């Protein structure tokens, strides 16, 4: 099981222009999608950070979908 950020880039504050992220955003998005087609199940969850869009993803490298979803549900409850 891996717990990692949904993106490697720093979050853009809500209401601020995203254009400053430039070409790196496309590369980052492509890298973030790499784990899912490789096979392990992935669940992304929002994380409440005041003023910022933020999230984490759980990657079930050694567990099945049922365990991954149970852990995601527990983490979501703890983050509220």
PDB file of N, CA and C in Angstrom:
ATOM      1  N   UNK A   1       0.841  -1.164   0.000  1.00  0.00           N
ATOM      2  CA  UNK A   1       0.000   0.000   0.000  1.00  0.00           C
ATOM      3  C   UNK A   1       0.888   1.230   0.000  1.00  0.00           C
ATOM      4  N   UNK A   2       0.598   2.152  -0.895  1.00  0.00           N
ATOM      5  CA  UNK A   2       1.292   3.439  -0.930  1.00  0.00           C
ATOM      6  C   UNK A   2       0.298   4.555  -0.670  1.00  0.00           C
ATOM      7  N   UNK A   3       0.711   5.533   0.089  1.00  0.00           N
ATOM      8  CA  UNK A   3      -0.045   6.762   0.280  1.00  0.00           C
ATOM      9  C   UNK A   3       0.829   7.871  -0.284  1.00  0.00           C
ATOM     10  N   UNK A   4       0.346   8.557  -1.312  1.00  0.00           N
ATOM     11  CA  UNK A   4       1.155   9.593  -1.951  1.00  0.00           C
ATOM     12  C   UNK A   4       0.261  10.744  -2.407  1.00  0.00           C
ATOM     13  N   UNK A   5       0.869  11.899  -2.689  1.00  0.00           N
ATOM     14  CA  UNK A   5       0.066  13.026  -3.161  1.00  0.00           C
ATOM     15  C   UNK A   5      -0.530  12.717  -4.530  1.00  0.00           C
ATOM     16  N   UNK A   6      -1.638  13.358  -4.843  1.00  0.00           N
ATOM     17  CA  UNK A   6      -2.246  13.141  -6.157  1.00  0.00           C
ATOM     18  C   UNK A   6      -1.463  13.825  -7.256  1.00  0.00           C
ATOM     19  N   UNK A   7      -0.622  14.769  -6.898  1.00  0.00           N
ATOM     20  CA  UNK A   7       0.213  15.452  -7.877  1.00  0.00           C
ATOM     21  C   UNK A   7       1.531  15.853  -7.229  1.00  0.00           C
ATOM     22  N   UNK A   8       2.576  15.952  -8.018  1.00  0.00           N
ATOM     23  CA  UNK A   8       3.881  16.342  -7.482  1.00  0.00           C
ATOM     24  C   UNK A   8       4.049  17.854  -7.454  1.00  0.00           C
ATOM     25  N   UNK A   9       3.162  18.578  -8.116  1.00  0.00           N
ATOM     26  CA  UNK A   9       3.253  20.036  -8.140  1.00  0.00           C
ATOM     27  C   UNK A   9       2.577  20.640  -6.925  1.00  0.00           C
ATOM     28  N   UNK A  10       3.077  21.767  -6.495  1.00  0.00           N
ATOM     29  CA  UNK A  10       2.450  22.480  -5.388  1.00  0.00           C
ATOM     30  C   UNK A  10       1.065  22.966  -5.821  1.00  0.00           C
ATOM     31  N   UNK A  11       0.106  22.868  -4.958  1.00  0.00           N
ATOM     32  CA  UNK A  11      -1.262  23.269  -5.284  1.00  0.00           C
ATOM     33  C   UNK A  11      -1.341  24.762  -5.560  1.00  0.00           C
ATOM     34  N   UNK A  12      -2.172  25.120  -6.534  1.00  0.00           N
ATOM     35  CA  UNK A  12      -2.446  26.522  -6.836  1.00  0.00           C
ATOM     36  C   UNK A  12      -3.565  26.985  -5.912  1.00  0.00           C
ATOM     37  N   UNK A  13      -3.354  28.067  -5.154  1.00  0.00           N
ATOM     38  CA  UNK A  13      -4.422  28.548  -4.272  1.00  0.00           C
ATOM     39  C   UNK A  13      -5.717  28.792  -5.054  1.00  0.00           C
ATOM     40  N   UNK A  14      -6.826  28.483  -4.443  1.00  0.00           N
ATOM     41  CA  UNK A  14      -8.125  28.652  -5.085  1.00  0.00           C
ATOM     42  C   UNK A  14      -8.305  30.115  -5.451  1.00  0.00           C
ATOM     43  N   UNK A  15      -8.706  30.351  -6.699  1.00  0.00           N
ATOM     44  CA  UNK A  15      -8.918  31.707  -7.179  1.00  0.00           C
ATOM     45  C   UNK A  15      -7.702  32.324  -7.849  1.00  0.00           C
ATOM     46  N   UNK A  16      -6.559  31.668  -7.781  1.00  0.00           N
ATOM     47  CA  UNK A  16      -5.342  32.199  -8.403  1.00  0.00           C
ATOM     48  C   UNK A  16      -5.154  31.557  -9.779  1.00  0.00           C
ATOM     49  N   UNK A  17      -4.533  32.283 -10.691  1.00  0.00           N
ATOM     50  CA  UNK A  17      -4.325  31.826 -12.066  1.00  0.00           C
ATOM     51  C   UNK A  17      -3.413  30.596 -12.096  1.00  0.00           C
ATOM     52  N   UNK A  18      -3.820  29.576 -12.837  1.00  0.00           N
ATOM     53  CA  UNK A  18      -3.031  28.359 -12.969  1.00  0.00           C
ATOM     54  C   UNK A  18      -2.026  28.425 -14.106  1.00  0.00           C
ATOM     55  N   UNK A  19      -2.059  29.465 -14.905  1.00  0.00           N
ATOM     56  CA  UNK A  19      -1.183  29.557 -16.077  1.00  0.00           C
ATOM     57  C   UNK A  19       0.287  29.497 -15.694  1.00  0.00           C
ATOM     58  N   UNK A  20       0.633  29.902 -14.500  1.00  0.00           N
ATOM     59  CA  UNK A  20       2.036  29.908 -14.098  1.00  0.00           C
ATOM     60  C   UNK A  20       2.634  28.504 -14.010  1.00  0.00           C
ATOM     61  N   UNK A  21       1.790  27.487 -13.977  1.00  0.00           N
ATOM     62  CA  UNK A  21       2.289  26.116 -13.880  1.00  0.00           C
ATOM     63  C   UNK A  21       2.941  25.658 -15.177  1.00  0.00           C
ATOM     64  N   UNK A  22       2.480  26.197 -16.302  1.00  0.00           N
ATOM     65  CA  UNK A  22       3.114  25.937 -17.590  1.00  0.00           C
ATOM     66  C   UNK A  22       3.131  24.484 -18.012  1.00  0.00           C
ATOM     67  N   UNK A  23       4.157  24.131 -18.801  1.00  0.00           N
ATOM     68  CA  UNK A  23       4.260  22.807 -19.414  1.00  0.00           C
ATOM     69  C   UNK A  23       4.434  21.700 -18.384  1.00  0.00           C
ATOM     70  N   UNK A  24       4.961  22.035 -17.218  1.00  0.00           N
ATOM     71  CA  UNK A  24       5.161  21.020 -16.196  1.00  0.00           C
ATOM     72  C   UNK A  24       3.878  20.338 -15.770  1.00  0.00           C
ATOM     73  N   UNK A  25       2.755  21.029 -15.868  1.00  0.00           N
ATOM     74  CA  UNK A  25       1.476  20.446 -15.454  1.00  0.00           C
ATOM     75  C   UNK A  25       1.100  19.257 -16.323  1.00  0.00           C
ATOM     76  N   UNK A  26       1.343  19.360 -17.631  1.00  0.00           N
ATOM     77  CA  UNK A  26       1.016  18.250 -18.536  1.00  0.00           C
ATOM     78  C   UNK A  26       1.903  17.047 -18.254  1.00  0.00           C
ATOM     79  N   UNK A  27       3.179  17.282 -18.011  1.00  0.00           N
ATOM     80  CA  UNK A  27       4.104  16.198 -17.687  1.00  0.00           C
ATOM     81  C   UNK A  27       3.699  15.552 -16.384  1.00  0.00           C
ATOM     82  N   UNK A  28       3.331  16.372 -15.401  1.00  0.00           N
ATOM     83  CA  UNK A  28       2.922  15.875 -14.101  1.00  0.00           C
ATOM     84  C   UNK A  28       1.674  15.009 -14.220  1.00  0.00           C
ATOM     85  N   UNK A  29       0.692  15.465 -14.985  1.00  0.00           N
ATOM     86  CA  UNK A  29      -0.546  14.698 -15.159  1.00  0.00           C
ATOM     87  C   UNK A  29      -0.258  13.351 -15.798  1.00  0.00           C
ATOM     88  N   UNK A  30       0.627  13.322 -16.776  1.00  0.00           N
ATOM     89  CA  UNK A  30       0.968  12.062 -17.434  1.00  0.00           C
ATOM     90  C   UNK A  30       1.653  11.108 -16.463  1.00  0.00           C
ATOM     91  N   UNK A  31       2.521  11.631 -15.609  1.00  0.00           N
ATOM     92  CA  UNK A  31       3.220  10.798 -14.632  1.00  0.00           C
ATOM     93  C   UNK A  31       2.250  10.245 -13.596  1.00  0.00           C
ATOM     94  N   UNK A  32       1.268  11.047 -13.184  1.00  0.00           N
ATOM     95  CA  UNK A  32       0.309  10.602 -12.178  1.00  0.00           C
ATOM     96  C   UNK A  32      -0.580   9.475 -12.686  1.00  0.00           C
ATOM     97  N   UNK A  33      -0.820   9.433 -13.972  1.00  0.00           N
ATOM     98  CA  UNK A  33      -1.659   8.393 -14.550  1.00  0.00           C
ATOM     99  C   UNK A  33      -0.904   7.087 -14.775  1.00  0.00           C
ATOM    100  N   UNK A  34       0.414   7.118 -14.613  1.00  0.00           N
ATOM    101  CA  UNK A  34       1.228   5.942 -14.922  1.00  0.00           C
ATOM    102  C   UNK A  34       0.913   4.744 -14.044  1.00  0.00           C
ATOM    103  N   UNK A  35       0.587   4.942 -12.777  1.00  0.00           N
ATOM    104  CA  UNK A  35       0.370   3.816 -11.872  1.00  0.00           C
ATOM    105  C   UNK A  35      -0.877   3.024 -12.220  1.00  0.00           C
ATOM    106  N   UNK A  36      -1.952   3.666 -12.569  1.00  0.00           N
ATOM    107  CA  UNK A  36      -3.213   2.970 -12.778  1.00  0.00           C
ATOM    108  C   UNK A  36      -3.165   1.977 -13.938  1.00  0.00           C
ATOM    109  N   UNK A  37      -2.724   2.330 -15.143  1.00  0.00           N
ATOM    110  CA  UNK A  37      -2.689   1.333 -16.207  1.00  0.00           C
ATOM    111  C   UNK A  37      -1.720   0.190 -15.929  1.00  0.00           C
ATOM    112  N   UNK A  38      -0.798   0.372 -14.992  1.00  0.00           N
ATOM    113  CA  UNK A  38       0.163  -0.672 -14.663  1.00  0.00           C
ATOM    114  C   UNK A  38      -0.476  -1.820 -13.896  1.00  0.00           C
ATOM    115  N   UNK A  39      -1.689  -1.625 -13.406  1.00  0.00           N
ATOM    116  CA  UNK A  39      -2.368  -2.728 -12.770  1.00  0.00           C
ATOM    117  C   UNK A  39      -2.901  -2.518 -11.371  1.00  0.00           C
ATOM    118  N   UNK A  40      -2.147  -1.903 -10.442  1.00  0.00           N
ATOM    119  CA  UNK A  40      -2.677  -1.820  -9.085  1.00  0.00           C
ATOM    120  C   UNK A  40      -3.864  -0.873  -9.012  1.00  0.00           C
ATOM    121  N   UNK A  41      -4.852  -1.184  -8.166  1.00  0.00           N
ATOM    122  CA  UNK A  41      -5.984  -0.272  -7.997  1.00  0.00           C
ATOM    123  C   UNK A  41      -5.537   1.010  -7.289  1.00  0.00           C
ATOM    124  N   UNK A  42      -6.145   2.134  -7.661  1.00  0.00           N
ATOM    125  CA  UNK A  42      -5.805   3.445  -7.100  1.00  0.00           C
ATOM    126  C   UNK A  42      -7.085   4.166  -6.714  1.00  0.00           C
ATOM    127  N   UNK A  43      -7.077   4.818  -5.548  1.00  0.00           N
ATOM    128  CA  UNK A  43      -8.195   5.640  -5.095  1.00  0.00           C
ATOM    129  C   UNK A  43      -7.631   7.014  -4.738  1.00  0.00           C
ATOM    130  N   UNK A  44      -8.251   8.078  -5.264  1.00  0.00           N
ATOM    131  CA  UNK A  44      -7.840   9.445  -4.928  1.00  0.00           C
ATOM    132  C   UNK A  44      -8.873  10.055  -3.991  1.00  0.00           C
ATOM    133  N   UNK A  45      -8.376  10.773  -2.975  1.00  0.00           N
ATOM    134  CA  UNK A  45      -9.250  11.398  -1.983  1.00  0.00           C
ATOM    135  C   UNK A  45      -8.882  12.867  -1.805  1.00  0.00           C
ATOM    136  N   UNK A  46      -9.888  13.732  -1.641  1.00  0.00           N
ATOM    137  CA  UNK A  46      -9.572  15.126  -1.327  1.00  0.00           C
ATOM    138  C   UNK A  46      -9.088  15.243   0.117  1.00  0.00           C
ATOM    139  N   UNK A  47      -8.202  16.186   0.361  1.00  0.00           N
ATOM    140  CA  UNK A  47      -7.704  16.460   1.705  1.00  0.00           C
ATOM    141  C   UNK A  47      -8.030  17.914   2.024  1.00  0.00           C
ATOM    142  N   UNK A  48      -8.743  18.160   3.110  1.00  0.00           N
ATOM    143  CA  UNK A  48      -9.107  19.540   3.435  1.00  0.00           C
ATOM    144  C   UNK A  48      -7.907  20.366   3.893  1.00  0.00           C
ATOM    145  N   UNK A  49      -7.465  21.264   3.021  1.00  0.00           N
ATOM    146  CA  UNK A  49      -6.394  22.204   3.333  1.00  0.00           C
ATOM    147  C   UNK A  49      -6.969  23.589   3.060  1.00  0.00           C
ATOM    148  N   UNK A  50      -7.080  24.440   4.053  1.00  0.00           N
ATOM    149  CA  UNK A  50      -7.700  25.747   3.839  1.00  0.00           C
ATOM    150  C   UNK A  50      -7.057  26.523   2.685  1.00  0.00           C
ATOM    151  N   UNK A  51      -7.889  26.897   1.707  1.00  0.00           N
ATOM    152  CA  UNK A  51      -7.436  27.720   0.597  1.00  0.00           C
ATOM    153  C   UNK A  51      -6.731  27.000  -0.528  1.00  0.00           C
ATOM    154  N   UNK A  52      -6.484  25.714  -0.394  1.00  0.00           N
ATOM    155  CA  UNK A  52      -5.773  24.975  -1.434  1.00  0.00           C
ATOM    156  C   UNK A  52      -6.544  23.733  -1.855  1.00  0.00           C
ATOM    157  N   UNK A  53      -6.542  23.427  -3.143  1.00  0.00           N
ATOM    158  CA  UNK A  53      -7.059  22.127  -3.567  1.00  0.00           C
ATOM    159  C   UNK A  53      -5.953  21.100  -3.307  1.00  0.00           C
ATOM    160  N   UNK A  54      -6.234  20.084  -2.561  1.00  0.00           N
ATOM    161  CA  UNK A  54      -5.205  19.102  -2.229  1.00  0.00           C
ATOM    162  C   UNK A  54      -5.822  17.710  -2.200  1.00  0.00           C
ATOM    163  N   UNK A  55      -4.986  16.703  -2.368  1.00  0.00           N
ATOM    164  CA  UNK A  55      -5.481  15.344  -2.328  1.00  0.00           C
ATOM    165  C   UNK A  55      -4.365  14.338  -2.153  1.00  0.00           C
ATOM    166  N   UNK A  56      -4.762  13.128  -1.812  1.00  0.00           N
ATOM    167  CA  UNK A  56      -3.834  12.009  -1.705  1.00  0.00           C
ATOM    168  C   UNK A  56      -4.403  10.858  -2.520  1.00  0.00           C
ATOM    169  N   UNK A  57      -3.529   9.946  -2.866  1.00  0.00           N
ATOM    170  CA  UNK A  57      -4.004   8.733  -3.516  1.00  0.00           C
ATOM    171  C   UNK A  57      -3.429   7.518  -2.792  1.00  0.00           C
ATOM    172  N   UNK A  58      -4.260   6.516  -2.701  1.00  0.00           N
ATOM    173  CA  UNK A  58      -3.853   5.232  -2.142  1.00  0.00           C
ATOM    174  C   UNK A  58      -3.650   4.289  -3.316  1.00  0.00           C
ATOM    175  N   UNK A  59      -2.500   3.642  -3.353  1.00  0.00           N
ATOM    176  CA  UNK A  59      -2.197   2.684  -4.416  1.00  0.00           C
ATOM    177  C   UNK A  59      -2.106   1.312  -3.771  1.00  0.00           C
ATOM    178  N   UNK A  60      -2.968   0.417  -4.194  1.00  0.00           N
ATOM    179  CA  UNK A  60      -3.030  -0.915  -3.609  1.00  0.00           C
ATOM    180  C   UNK A  60      -2.066  -1.889  -4.253  1.00  0.00           C
ATOM    181  N   UNK A  61      -0.783  -1.731  -3.989  1.00  0.00           N
ATOM    182  CA  UNK A  61       0.234  -2.576  -4.615  1.00  0.00           C
ATOM    183  C   UNK A  61       0.105  -4.025  -4.171  1.00  0.00           C
ATOM    184  N   UNK A  62      -0.139  -4.241  -2.894  1.00  0.00           N
ATOM    185  CA  UNK A  62      -0.182  -5.611  -2.384  1.00  0.00           C
ATOM    186  C   UNK A  62      -1.549  -6.006  -1.839  1.00  0.00           C
ATOM    187  N   UNK A  63      -2.559  -5.147  -2.034  1.00  0.00           N
ATOM    188  CA  UNK A  63      -3.895  -5.464  -1.534  1.00  0.00           C
ATOM    189  C   UNK A  63      -4.896  -5.377  -2.681  1.00  0.00           C
ATOM    190  N   UNK A  64      -6.031  -6.009  -2.502  1.00  0.00           N
ATOM    191  CA  UNK A  64      -7.080  -5.968  -3.511  1.00  0.00           C
ATOM    192  C   UNK A  64      -7.963  -4.741  -3.371  1.00  0.00           C
ATOM    193  N   UNK A  65      -8.894  -4.622  -4.301  1.00  0.00           N
ATOM    194  CA  UNK A  65      -9.789  -3.465  -4.314  1.00  0.00           C
ATOM    195  C   UNK A  65     -10.627  -3.356  -3.058  1.00  0.00           C
ATOM    196  N   UNK A  66     -11.096  -4.484  -2.514  1.00  0.00           N
ATOM    197  CA  UNK A  66     -11.945  -4.426  -1.338  1.00  0.00           C
ATOM    198  C   UNK A  66     -11.204  -3.841  -0.139  1.00  0.00           C
ATOM    199  N   UNK A  67      -9.956  -4.235   0.058  1.00  0.00           N
ATOM    200  CA  UNK A  67      -9.147  -3.695   1.153  1.00  0.00           C
ATOM    201  C   UNK A  67      -8.836  -2.222   0.886  1.00  0.00           C
ATOM    202  N   UNK A  68      -8.481  -1.903  -0.346  1.00  0.00           N
ATOM    203  CA  UNK A  68      -8.165  -0.523  -0.710  1.00  0.00           C
ATOM    204  C   UNK A  68      -9.357   0.399  -0.463  1.00  0.00           C
ATOM    205  N   UNK A  69     -10.541  -0.007  -0.867  1.00  0.00           N
ATOM    206  CA  UNK A  69     -11.733   0.814  -0.666  1.00  0.00           C
ATOM    207  C   UNK A  69     -12.064   0.968   0.815  1.00  0.00           C
ATOM    208  N   UNK A  70     -11.849  -0.073   1.600  1.00  0.00           N
ATOM    209  CA  UNK A  70     -12.069   0.020   3.036  1.00  0.00           C
ATOM    210  C   UNK A  70     -11.115   1.005   3.685  1.00  0.00           C
ATOM    211  N   UNK A  71      -9.849   0.968   3.298  1.00  0.00           N
ATOM    212  CA  UNK A  71      -8.879   1.914   3.818  1.00  0.00           C
ATOM    213  C   UNK A  71      -9.191   3.334   3.377  1.00  0.00           C
ATOM    214  N   UNK A  72      -9.627   3.491   2.134  1.00  0.00           N
ATOM    215  CA  UNK A  72      -9.997   4.827   1.615  1.00  0.00           C
ATOM    216  C   UNK A  72     -11.173   5.387   2.412  1.00  0.00           C
ATOM    217  N   UNK A  73     -12.149   4.536   2.699  1.00  0.00           N
ATOM    218  CA  UNK A  73     -13.314   4.969   3.473  1.00  0.00           C
ATOM    219  C   UNK A  73     -12.896   5.417   4.881  1.00  0.00           C
ATOM    220  N   UNK A  74     -11.999   4.662   5.506  1.00  0.00           N
ATOM    221  CA  UNK A  74     -11.530   5.016   6.847  1.00  0.00           C
ATOM    222  C   UNK A  74     -10.716   6.314   6.820  1.00  0.00           C
ATOM    223  N   UNK A  75      -9.852   6.471   5.824  1.00  0.00           N
ATOM    224  CA  UNK A  75      -9.055   7.691   5.716  1.00  0.00           C
ATOM    225  C   UNK A  75      -9.943   8.906   5.437  1.00  0.00           C
ATOM    226  N   UNK A  76     -10.936   8.733   4.588  1.00  0.00           N
ATOM    227  CA  UNK A  76     -11.859   9.824   4.289  1.00  0.00           C
ATOM    228  C   UNK A  76     -12.573  10.276   5.556  1.00  0.00           C
ATOM    229  N   UNK A  77     -13.014   9.333   6.382  1.00  0.00           N
ATOM    230  CA  UNK A  77     -13.662   9.672   7.641  1.00  0.00           C
ATOM    231  C   UNK A  77     -12.730  10.390   8.603  1.00  0.00           C
ATOM    232  N   UNK A  78     -11.474   9.976   8.643  1.00  0.00           N
ATOM    233  CA  UNK A  78     -10.493  10.591   9.549  1.00  0.00           C
ATOM    234  C   UNK A  78     -10.120  12.003   9.100  1.00  0.00           C
ATOM    235  N   UNK A  79     -10.205  12.276   7.797  1.00  0.00           N
ATOM    236  CA  UNK A  79      -9.816  13.588   7.268  1.00  0.00           C
ATOM    237  C   UNK A  79     -10.919  14.632   7.376  1.00  0.00           C
ATOM    238  N   UNK A  80     -12.118  14.233   7.712  1.00  0.00           N
ATOM    239  CA  UNK A  80     -13.233  15.188   7.807  1.00  0.00           C
ATOM    240  C   UNK A  80     -13.102  16.097   8.977  1.00  0.00           C
TER     241      UNK A  80
END
